[in-house]
Amino acid sequence: MSLRGKDFRCEIDPALHEHLRIMAEFHDSDMGQLGAKLLEKAICGEFHEFKLLAQRLERSGIVRKAAENGGT
């Protein structure tokens, strides 16, 4: 049996945990599965913003690629 992905555990605010429980119940889903799906969406969105910022900084000359400045 293969695993879906790597295991990750964290603690969340009790109010957010309750919100997740309510949403999972509404969608007739497991809290863990719904939590993973929401976390993946949030990470994708944040990483997209991160990449855009890195590209803008690079184009403006504020940040250079590591290979160009000796890796420092």
C-alpha atoms as a PDB file:
ATOM      1  CA  MET A   1       0.000   0.000   0.000  1.00  0.00           C
ATOM      2  CA  SER A   2       1.443   3.363  -0.946  1.00  0.00           C
ATOM      3  CA  LEU A   3       0.965   6.503   1.095  1.00  0.00           C
ATOM      4  CA  ARG A   4      -0.737   9.545  -0.373  1.00  0.00           C
ATOM      5  CA  GLY A   5       1.968  11.904   0.816  1.00  0.00           C
ATOM      6  CA  LYS A   6       4.336  12.733   3.636  1.00  0.00           C
ATOM      7  CA  ASP A   7       3.010  13.023   7.164  1.00  0.00           C
ATOM      8  CA  PHE A   8       2.863  16.493   8.727  1.00  0.00           C
ATOM      9  CA  ARG A   9       1.386  17.390  12.081  1.00  0.00           C
ATOM     10  CA  CYS A  10       0.759  20.767  13.639  1.00  0.00           C
ATOM     11  CA  GLU A  11      -1.317  22.447  16.284  1.00  0.00           C
ATOM     12  CA  ILE A  12      -3.975  24.966  15.330  1.00  0.00           C
ATOM     13  CA  ASP A  13      -6.041  27.440  17.276  1.00  0.00           C
ATOM     14  CA  PRO A  14      -9.010  25.728  18.966  1.00  0.00           C
ATOM     15  CA  ALA A  15     -11.475  28.031  17.176  1.00  0.00           C
ATOM     16  CA  LEU A  16      -9.972  27.106  13.791  1.00  0.00           C
ATOM     17  CA  HIS A  17     -10.093  23.444  14.748  1.00  0.00           C
ATOM     18  CA  GLU A  18     -13.796  23.823  15.421  1.00  0.00           C
ATOM     19  CA  HIS A  19     -14.288  25.568  12.074  1.00  0.00           C
ATOM     20  CA  LEU A  20     -12.484  22.687  10.368  1.00  0.00           C
ATOM     21  CA  ARG A  21     -14.673  20.167  12.201  1.00  0.00           C
ATOM     22  CA  ILE A  22     -17.848  21.962  11.103  1.00  0.00           C
ATOM     23  CA  MET A  23     -16.693  22.176   7.474  1.00  0.00           C
ATOM     24  CA  ALA A  24     -15.645  18.511   7.441  1.00  0.00           C
ATOM     25  CA  GLU A  25     -19.011  17.502   8.877  1.00  0.00           C
ATOM     26  CA  PHE A  26     -20.829  19.594   6.279  1.00  0.00           C
ATOM     27  CA  HIS A  27     -18.831  18.050   3.429  1.00  0.00           C
ATOM     28  CA  ASP A  28     -19.149  14.566   4.974  1.00  0.00           C
ATOM     29  CA  SER A  29     -15.359  14.392   4.955  1.00  0.00           C
ATOM     30  CA  ASP A  30     -12.603  13.391   7.337  1.00  0.00           C
ATOM     31  CA  MET A  31     -11.089  16.345   9.225  1.00  0.00           C
ATOM     32  CA  GLY A  32      -7.578  15.202   8.356  1.00  0.00           C
ATOM     33  CA  GLN A  33      -8.324  14.963   4.651  1.00  0.00           C
ATOM     34  CA  LEU A  34     -10.071  18.333   4.536  1.00  0.00           C
ATOM     35  CA  GLY A  35      -7.334  19.943   6.633  1.00  0.00           C
ATOM     36  CA  ALA A  36      -4.661  18.579   4.283  1.00  0.00           C
ATOM     37  CA  LYS A  37      -6.570  19.853   1.241  1.00  0.00           C
ATOM     38  CA  LEU A  38      -6.939  23.337   2.737  1.00  0.00           C
ATOM     39  CA  LEU A  39      -3.296  23.423   3.824  1.00  0.00           C
ATOM     40  CA  GLU A  40      -2.148  22.388   0.341  1.00  0.00           C
ATOM     41  CA  LYS A  41      -4.247  25.179  -1.202  1.00  0.00           C
ATOM     42  CA  ALA A  42      -2.807  27.732   1.227  1.00  0.00           C
ATOM     43  CA  ILE A  43       0.771  26.582   0.581  1.00  0.00           C
ATOM     44  CA  CYS A  44       0.261  26.755  -3.194  1.00  0.00           C
ATOM     45  CA  GLY A  45      -1.096  30.291  -2.917  1.00  0.00           C
ATOM     46  CA  GLU A  46       1.663  31.483  -0.591  1.00  0.00           C
ATOM     47  CA  PHE A  47       4.387  29.869  -2.705  1.00  0.00           C
ATOM     48  CA  HIS A  48       2.985  31.480  -5.847  1.00  0.00           C
ATOM     49  CA  GLU A  49       3.200  34.893  -4.164  1.00  0.00           C
ATOM     50  CA  PHE A  50       6.734  34.052  -2.995  1.00  0.00           C
ATOM     51  CA  LYS A  51       7.847  33.166  -6.529  1.00  0.00           C
ATOM     52  CA  LEU A  52       6.343  36.353  -7.950  1.00  0.00           C
ATOM     53  CA  LEU A  53       8.126  38.460  -5.336  1.00  0.00           C
ATOM     54  CA  ALA A  54      11.435  36.667  -5.966  1.00  0.00           C
ATOM     55  CA  GLN A  55      11.086  37.254  -9.717  1.00  0.00           C
ATOM     56  CA  ARG A  56      10.299  40.949  -9.208  1.00  0.00           C
ATOM     57  CA  LEU A  57      13.272  41.387  -6.881  1.00  0.00           C
ATOM     58  CA  GLU A  58      15.552  39.616  -9.333  1.00  0.00           C
ATOM     59  CA  ARG A  59      14.356  41.743 -12.266  1.00  0.00           C
ATOM     60  CA  SER A  60      14.892  44.902 -10.246  1.00  0.00           C
ATOM     61  CA  GLY A  61      18.453  43.852  -9.381  1.00  0.00           C
ATOM     62  CA  ILE A  62      17.781  43.828  -5.650  1.00  0.00           C
ATOM     63  CA  VAL A  63      18.441  40.097  -5.369  1.00  0.00           C
ATOM     64  CA  ARG A  64      20.921  38.200  -7.474  1.00  0.00           C
ATOM     65  CA  LYS A  65      20.933  34.465  -8.091  1.00  0.00           C
ATOM     66  CA  ALA A  66      23.188  32.540  -5.708  1.00  0.00           C
ATOM     67  CA  ALA A  67      25.430  31.296  -8.546  1.00  0.00           C
ATOM     68  CA  GLU A  68      26.085  34.881  -9.638  1.00  0.00           C
ATOM     69  CA  ASN A  69      27.315  36.087  -6.268  1.00  0.00           C
ATOM     70  CA  GLY A  70      29.316  33.071  -5.133  1.00  0.00           C
ATOM     71  CA  GLY A  71      26.473  31.426  -3.240  1.00  0.00           C
ATOM     72  CA  THR A  72      26.339  34.048  -0.496  1.00  0.00           C
END
